């Protein structure tokens, strides 16, 4: 669980690294989490532009 938090901190500021994280051989749960993170990130950016 610690590594999951670490990856969140690393990938959240940058969409590019987030995509890299999803392509790495991880469990489906991690893949889903990254997918969710990218959607949340996009929504936050969308709100910021409004």
N, C-alpha and C. Protein backbone atom coordinates (compact mmCIF):
# COMPACT_ATOMS: atom_id res chain seq x y z
N UNK A 1 0.83 -1.21 0.00
CA UNK A 1 0.00 0.00 0.00
C UNK A 1 0.87 1.27 0.00
N UNK A 2 2.04 1.16 0.62
CA UNK A 2 2.95 2.29 0.67
C UNK A 2 3.41 2.70 -0.72
N UNK A 3 3.74 1.68 -1.52
CA UNK A 3 4.22 1.95 -2.88
C UNK A 3 3.12 2.59 -3.72
N UNK A 4 1.87 2.24 -3.42
CA UNK A 4 0.73 2.79 -4.15
C UNK A 4 0.63 4.30 -3.90
N UNK A 5 0.81 4.68 -2.65
CA UNK A 5 0.78 6.10 -2.29
C UNK A 5 1.93 6.83 -2.95
N UNK A 6 3.08 6.16 -3.00
CA UNK A 6 4.27 6.76 -3.60
C UNK A 6 4.04 7.01 -5.09
N UNK A 7 3.47 6.01 -5.76
CA UNK A 7 3.21 6.14 -7.19
C UNK A 7 2.19 7.25 -7.45
N UNK A 8 1.24 7.39 -6.53
CA UNK A 8 0.23 8.44 -6.66
C UNK A 8 0.89 9.81 -6.63
N UNK A 9 1.80 9.98 -5.68
CA UNK A 9 2.51 11.26 -5.55
C UNK A 9 3.35 11.53 -6.78
N UNK A 10 3.98 10.47 -7.29
CA UNK A 10 4.85 10.64 -8.44
C UNK A 10 4.07 10.92 -9.72
N UNK A 11 2.96 10.21 -9.92
CA UNK A 11 2.25 10.31 -11.19
C UNK A 11 1.24 11.45 -11.26
N UNK A 12 0.72 11.88 -10.12
CA UNK A 12 -0.35 12.87 -10.14
C UNK A 12 -0.01 14.20 -10.80
N UNK A 13 1.18 14.78 -10.55
CA UNK A 13 1.46 16.08 -11.16
C UNK A 13 1.59 16.03 -12.68
N UNK A 14 1.85 14.86 -13.22
CA UNK A 14 2.12 14.77 -14.66
C UNK A 14 1.30 13.67 -15.32
N UNK A 15 0.56 14.04 -16.37
CA UNK A 15 -0.25 13.06 -17.09
C UNK A 15 0.62 12.06 -17.84
N UNK A 16 1.77 12.53 -18.32
CA UNK A 16 2.67 11.68 -19.08
C UNK A 16 3.14 10.48 -18.26
N UNK A 17 3.61 10.75 -17.04
CA UNK A 17 4.10 9.69 -16.18
C UNK A 17 2.97 8.77 -15.75
N UNK A 18 1.76 9.33 -15.69
CA UNK A 18 0.61 8.52 -15.32
C UNK A 18 0.35 7.46 -16.38
N UNK A 19 0.51 7.85 -17.63
CA UNK A 19 0.33 6.91 -18.74
C UNK A 19 1.40 5.83 -18.69
N UNK A 20 2.62 6.22 -18.33
CA UNK A 20 3.72 5.27 -18.21
C UNK A 20 3.41 4.25 -17.13
N UNK A 21 2.82 4.74 -16.06
CA UNK A 21 2.48 3.88 -14.93
C UNK A 21 1.48 2.80 -15.32
N UNK A 22 0.54 3.14 -16.18
CA UNK A 22 -0.50 2.19 -16.58
C UNK A 22 0.05 1.10 -17.49
N UNK A 23 1.12 1.41 -18.23
CA UNK A 23 1.67 0.43 -19.15
C UNK A 23 2.61 -0.55 -18.46
N UNK A 24 3.05 -0.20 -17.26
CA UNK A 24 3.93 -1.10 -16.52
C UNK A 24 3.17 -2.34 -16.08
N UNK A 25 3.86 -3.49 -15.99
CA UNK A 25 3.21 -4.75 -15.62
C UNK A 25 2.74 -4.79 -14.18
N UNK A 26 1.63 -4.15 -13.91
CA UNK A 26 1.07 -4.13 -12.57
C UNK A 26 -0.26 -4.87 -12.52
N UNK A 27 -0.81 -4.98 -11.33
CA UNK A 27 -2.10 -5.65 -11.17
C UNK A 27 -3.21 -4.80 -11.76
N UNK A 28 -4.34 -5.42 -12.14
CA UNK A 28 -5.47 -4.67 -12.72
C UNK A 28 -5.98 -3.58 -11.80
N UNK A 29 -5.84 -3.79 -10.49
CA UNK A 29 -6.31 -2.80 -9.52
C UNK A 29 -5.53 -1.49 -9.67
N UNK A 30 -4.23 -1.62 -9.86
CA UNK A 30 -3.37 -0.44 -10.03
C UNK A 30 -3.73 0.25 -11.34
N UNK A 31 -3.99 -0.57 -12.35
CA UNK A 31 -4.37 -0.03 -13.66
C UNK A 31 -5.67 0.77 -13.55
N UNK A 32 -6.62 0.21 -12.82
CA UNK A 32 -7.90 0.89 -12.61
C UNK A 32 -7.72 2.19 -11.84
N UNK A 33 -6.84 2.13 -10.84
CA UNK A 33 -6.58 3.31 -10.01
C UNK A 33 -6.01 4.44 -10.86
N UNK A 34 -5.04 4.10 -11.70
CA UNK A 34 -4.43 5.10 -12.58
C UNK A 34 -5.45 5.65 -13.57
N UNK A 35 -6.34 4.77 -14.03
CA UNK A 35 -7.39 5.19 -14.96
C UNK A 35 -8.29 6.21 -14.26
N UNK A 36 -8.63 5.90 -13.02
CA UNK A 36 -9.48 6.78 -12.22
C UNK A 36 -8.78 8.11 -11.96
N UNK A 37 -7.48 8.02 -11.66
CA UNK A 37 -6.69 9.22 -11.38
C UNK A 37 -6.66 10.15 -12.58
N UNK A 38 -6.46 9.57 -13.75
CA UNK A 38 -6.39 10.39 -14.96
C UNK A 38 -7.72 11.09 -15.22
N UNK A 39 -8.82 10.37 -14.94
CA UNK A 39 -10.14 10.97 -15.12
C UNK A 39 -10.37 12.11 -14.12
N UNK A 40 -9.97 11.87 -12.87
CA UNK A 40 -10.10 12.89 -11.84
C UNK A 40 -9.26 14.10 -12.18
N UNK A 41 -8.05 13.84 -12.68
CA UNK A 41 -7.14 14.92 -13.05
C UNK A 41 -7.74 15.77 -14.17
N UNK A 42 -8.33 15.09 -15.15
CA UNK A 42 -8.95 15.80 -16.27
C UNK A 42 -10.14 16.63 -15.80
N UNK A 43 -10.92 16.06 -14.89
CA UNK A 43 -12.07 16.78 -14.36
C UNK A 43 -11.64 18.02 -13.59
N UNK A 44 -10.56 17.88 -12.82
CA UNK A 44 -10.05 19.01 -12.05
C UNK A 44 -9.55 20.11 -12.98
N UNK A 45 -8.89 19.70 -14.06
CA UNK A 45 -8.39 20.68 -15.02
C UNK A 45 -9.55 21.36 -15.73
N UNK A 46 -10.60 20.59 -15.98
CA UNK A 46 -11.78 21.12 -16.64
C UNK A 46 -12.45 22.17 -15.75
N UNK A 47 -12.53 21.86 -14.46
CA UNK A 47 -13.12 22.80 -13.50
C UNK A 47 -12.29 24.08 -13.42
N UNK A 48 -10.98 23.91 -13.51
CA UNK A 48 -10.08 25.06 -13.40
C UNK A 48 -10.26 26.02 -14.57
N UNK A 49 -10.59 25.47 -15.73
CA UNK A 49 -10.75 26.31 -16.92
C UNK A 49 -12.10 27.02 -16.94
N UNK A 50 -13.07 26.49 -16.22
CA UNK A 50 -14.41 27.09 -16.22
C UNK A 50 -14.45 28.40 -15.44
